[in-house]
Amino acid sequence: MKLKTFFITLILMCGIAYAQDLQVQPVDPGGDPDTEVPIDGGVGLLVAAGIAYGAKKAHDKRKISREKHVVNNP
C-alpha cells in the first residue's frame, strides 16, 4: 500500500511541475514554417521497442507451436 501511495504522489508531483512549467514559457504562435523537426532518440527508442516486442511475440508463438507438435507426435 505504501508503494502505491508513493507512485501516486510521484505522478501527481510530476504533473504539477509540468503544468507550472507550461505556464512560465511563452508560446510563439508565428514560428518559422520552414524549420524541420528532427526525429531524435525518442522515436528511435519506440521503434526499437516495437521491433523487440514483435520479435518476442514471434518467438513465443514458435515455441508454443513446437511444444504442441512434440506433444502431438511422441
N, C-alpha and C. Protein backbone atom coordinates (compact mmCIF):
# COMPACT_ATOMS: atom_id res chain seq x y z
N MET A 1 0.82 -1.20 0.00
CA MET A 1 0.00 0.00 0.00
C MET A 1 0.87 1.26 0.00
N LYS A 2 1.98 1.20 0.73
CA LYS A 2 2.86 2.36 0.78
C LYS A 2 3.47 2.64 -0.58
N LEU A 3 3.81 1.58 -1.31
CA LEU A 3 4.41 1.75 -2.63
C LEU A 3 3.41 2.39 -3.61
N LYS A 4 2.16 1.97 -3.51
CA LYS A 4 1.12 2.53 -4.38
C LYS A 4 0.94 4.02 -4.09
N THR A 5 0.92 4.38 -2.82
CA THR A 5 0.78 5.78 -2.42
C THR A 5 1.97 6.60 -2.90
N PHE A 6 3.16 6.00 -2.80
CA PHE A 6 4.37 6.68 -3.26
C PHE A 6 4.29 7.00 -4.75
N PHE A 7 3.90 6.01 -5.56
CA PHE A 7 3.84 6.23 -7.00
C PHE A 7 2.76 7.24 -7.38
N ILE A 8 1.63 7.21 -6.70
CA ILE A 8 0.58 8.19 -6.99
C ILE A 8 1.06 9.59 -6.65
N THR A 9 1.74 9.72 -5.52
CA THR A 9 2.29 11.03 -5.13
C THR A 9 3.33 11.50 -6.12
N LEU A 10 4.19 10.59 -6.56
CA LEU A 10 5.23 10.94 -7.53
C LEU A 10 4.63 11.42 -8.85
N ILE A 11 3.61 10.72 -9.32
CA ILE A 11 2.96 11.11 -10.58
C ILE A 11 2.28 12.46 -10.44
N LEU A 12 1.61 12.69 -9.33
CA LEU A 12 0.96 13.98 -9.12
C LEU A 12 1.97 15.12 -9.06
N MET A 13 3.08 14.89 -8.38
CA MET A 13 4.10 15.94 -8.27
C MET A 13 4.71 16.26 -9.64
N CYS A 14 4.95 15.23 -10.44
CA CYS A 14 5.49 15.45 -11.78
C CYS A 14 4.48 16.21 -12.65
N GLY A 15 3.22 15.86 -12.52
CA GLY A 15 2.17 16.55 -13.28
C GLY A 15 2.05 18.01 -12.91
N ILE A 16 2.13 18.29 -11.62
CA ILE A 16 2.05 19.67 -11.16
C ILE A 16 3.26 20.46 -11.64
N ALA A 17 4.45 19.87 -11.56
CA ALA A 17 5.66 20.55 -12.01
C ALA A 17 5.59 20.83 -13.51
N TYR A 18 5.07 19.87 -14.27
CA TYR A 18 4.95 20.05 -15.71
C TYR A 18 3.94 21.16 -16.04
N ALA A 19 2.83 21.20 -15.33
CA ALA A 19 1.81 22.22 -15.57
C ALA A 19 2.34 23.61 -15.24
N GLN A 20 3.11 23.74 -14.18
CA GLN A 20 3.69 25.03 -13.83
C GLN A 20 4.71 25.46 -14.87
N ASP A 21 5.46 24.51 -15.41
CA ASP A 21 6.45 24.83 -16.43
C ASP A 21 5.78 25.33 -17.70
N LEU A 22 4.62 24.79 -18.03
CA LEU A 22 3.90 25.23 -19.22
C LEU A 22 3.43 26.67 -19.09
N GLN A 23 3.07 27.10 -17.89
CA GLN A 23 2.58 28.45 -17.69
C GLN A 23 3.69 29.48 -17.77
N VAL A 24 4.91 29.10 -17.45
CA VAL A 24 6.03 30.04 -17.41
C VAL A 24 6.54 30.35 -18.81
N GLN A 25 6.56 29.34 -19.69
CA GLN A 25 7.14 29.52 -21.01
C GLN A 25 6.15 30.21 -21.95
N PRO A 26 6.57 31.28 -22.62
CA PRO A 26 5.69 31.92 -23.59
C PRO A 26 5.56 31.07 -24.85
N VAL A 27 4.42 31.17 -25.49
CA VAL A 27 4.16 30.41 -26.70
C VAL A 27 4.40 31.31 -27.90
N ASP A 28 5.15 30.81 -28.88
CA ASP A 28 5.44 31.56 -30.10
C ASP A 28 4.47 31.09 -31.19
N PRO A 29 3.38 31.83 -31.45
CA PRO A 29 2.41 31.37 -32.43
C PRO A 29 2.89 31.47 -33.87
N GLY A 30 3.84 32.37 -34.13
CA GLY A 30 4.30 32.56 -35.50
C GLY A 30 5.15 31.41 -35.97
N GLY A 31 6.33 31.30 -35.45
CA GLY A 31 7.23 30.22 -35.82
C GLY A 31 7.65 30.29 -37.28
N ASP A 32 8.67 29.58 -37.61
CA ASP A 32 9.16 29.52 -38.98
C ASP A 32 8.65 28.22 -39.61
N PRO A 33 7.80 28.29 -40.63
CA PRO A 33 7.24 27.07 -41.20
C PRO A 33 8.27 26.22 -41.94
N ASP A 34 9.42 26.79 -42.28
CA ASP A 34 10.44 26.04 -43.00
C ASP A 34 11.37 25.27 -42.06
N THR A 35 11.20 25.44 -40.77
CA THR A 35 12.05 24.74 -39.82
C THR A 35 11.66 23.27 -39.75
N GLU A 36 12.65 22.40 -39.94
CA GLU A 36 12.39 20.96 -39.88
C GLU A 36 12.49 20.49 -38.44
N VAL A 37 11.63 19.55 -38.09
CA VAL A 37 11.64 18.98 -36.75
C VAL A 37 12.44 17.68 -36.81
N PRO A 38 13.51 17.59 -36.02
CA PRO A 38 14.32 16.37 -36.08
C PRO A 38 13.62 15.20 -35.38
N ILE A 39 13.83 14.01 -35.94
CA ILE A 39 13.36 12.80 -35.29
C ILE A 39 14.54 12.29 -34.48
N ASP A 40 14.44 12.44 -33.18
CA ASP A 40 15.58 12.12 -32.34
C ASP A 40 15.42 10.75 -31.68
N GLY A 41 16.13 10.54 -30.60
CA GLY A 41 16.20 9.25 -29.94
C GLY A 41 14.89 8.71 -29.44
N GLY A 42 13.93 9.56 -29.12
CA GLY A 42 12.66 9.08 -28.60
C GLY A 42 11.92 8.20 -29.59
N VAL A 43 11.84 8.65 -30.82
CA VAL A 43 11.15 7.87 -31.85
C VAL A 43 11.93 6.60 -32.15
N GLY A 44 13.26 6.72 -32.16
CA GLY A 44 14.10 5.55 -32.39
C GLY A 44 13.91 4.49 -31.31
N LEU A 45 13.79 4.95 -30.07
CA LEU A 45 13.56 4.01 -28.98
C LEU A 45 12.19 3.33 -29.10
N LEU A 46 11.18 4.08 -29.51
CA LEU A 46 9.87 3.48 -29.71
C LEU A 46 9.88 2.43 -30.82
N VAL A 47 10.58 2.73 -31.90
CA VAL A 47 10.69 1.77 -33.00
C VAL A 47 11.43 0.52 -32.54
N ALA A 48 12.54 0.71 -31.82
CA ALA A 48 13.31 -0.43 -31.32
C ALA A 48 12.48 -1.27 -30.35
N ALA A 49 11.71 -0.62 -29.49
CA ALA A 49 10.86 -1.35 -28.56
C ALA A 49 9.79 -2.14 -29.30
N GLY A 50 9.23 -1.55 -30.35
CA GLY A 50 8.22 -2.26 -31.15
C GLY A 50 8.79 -3.47 -31.86
N ILE A 51 10.00 -3.34 -32.38
CA ILE A 51 10.65 -4.46 -33.04
C ILE A 51 10.96 -5.57 -32.03
N ALA A 52 11.47 -5.18 -30.87
CA ALA A 52 11.78 -6.17 -29.84
C ALA A 52 10.52 -6.88 -29.37
N TYR A 53 9.43 -6.14 -29.20
CA TYR A 53 8.16 -6.74 -28.77
C TYR A 53 7.65 -7.72 -29.82
N GLY A 54 7.71 -7.33 -31.09
CA GLY A 54 7.27 -8.22 -32.16
C GLY A 54 8.12 -9.48 -32.25
N ALA A 55 9.43 -9.33 -32.07
CA ALA A 55 10.32 -10.49 -32.10
C ALA A 55 10.01 -11.44 -30.94
N LYS A 56 9.73 -10.89 -29.78
CA LYS A 56 9.40 -11.73 -28.62
C LYS A 56 8.10 -12.47 -28.86
N LYS A 57 7.11 -11.78 -29.40
CA LYS A 57 5.82 -12.42 -29.67
C LYS A 57 5.99 -13.55 -30.70
N ALA A 58 6.79 -13.30 -31.75
CA ALA A 58 7.02 -14.33 -32.76
C ALA A 58 7.76 -15.52 -32.16
N HIS A 59 8.74 -15.26 -31.31
CA HIS A 59 9.49 -16.33 -30.66
C HIS A 59 8.59 -17.16 -29.77
N ASP A 60 7.74 -16.51 -28.99
CA ASP A 60 6.81 -17.22 -28.11
C ASP A 60 5.82 -18.07 -28.92
N LYS A 61 5.36 -17.53 -30.03
CA LYS A 61 4.40 -18.26 -30.85
C LYS A 61 5.04 -19.51 -31.45
N ARG A 62 6.29 -19.38 -31.93
CA ARG A 62 7.01 -20.54 -32.47
C ARG A 62 7.28 -21.58 -31.38
N LYS A 63 7.61 -21.11 -30.18
CA LYS A 63 7.89 -22.01 -29.08
C LYS A 63 6.65 -22.82 -28.71
N ILE A 64 5.51 -22.17 -28.64
CA ILE A 64 4.25 -22.87 -28.33
C ILE A 64 3.90 -23.85 -29.44
N SER A 65 4.14 -23.44 -30.69
CA SER A 65 3.85 -24.31 -31.82
C SER A 65 4.72 -25.57 -31.77
N ARG A 66 6.00 -25.41 -31.45
CA ARG A 66 6.90 -26.56 -31.34
C ARG A 66 6.47 -27.49 -30.21
N GLU A 67 6.08 -26.90 -29.07
CA GLU A 67 5.67 -27.73 -27.93
C GLU A 67 4.41 -28.52 -28.27
N LYS A 68 3.46 -27.93 -28.98
CA LYS A 68 2.26 -28.66 -29.39
C LYS A 68 2.61 -29.78 -30.36
N HIS A 69 3.55 -29.51 -31.26
CA HIS A 69 3.96 -30.50 -32.24
C HIS A 69 4.63 -31.69 -31.55
N VAL A 70 5.46 -31.44 -30.55
CA VAL A 70 6.15 -32.51 -29.83
C VAL A 70 5.15 -33.31 -29.01
N VAL A 71 4.18 -32.68 -28.39
CA VAL A 71 3.19 -33.36 -27.57
C VAL A 71 2.28 -34.23 -28.45
N ASN A 72 1.91 -33.76 -29.62
CA ASN A 72 1.02 -34.49 -30.50
C ASN A 72 1.72 -35.64 -31.21
N ASN A 73 3.01 -35.53 -31.46
CA ASN A 73 3.78 -36.55 -32.17
C ASN A 73 4.90 -37.08 -31.27
N PRO A 74 4.59 -38.02 -30.40
CA PRO A 74 5.64 -38.53 -29.48
C PRO A 74 6.66 -39.40 -30.17
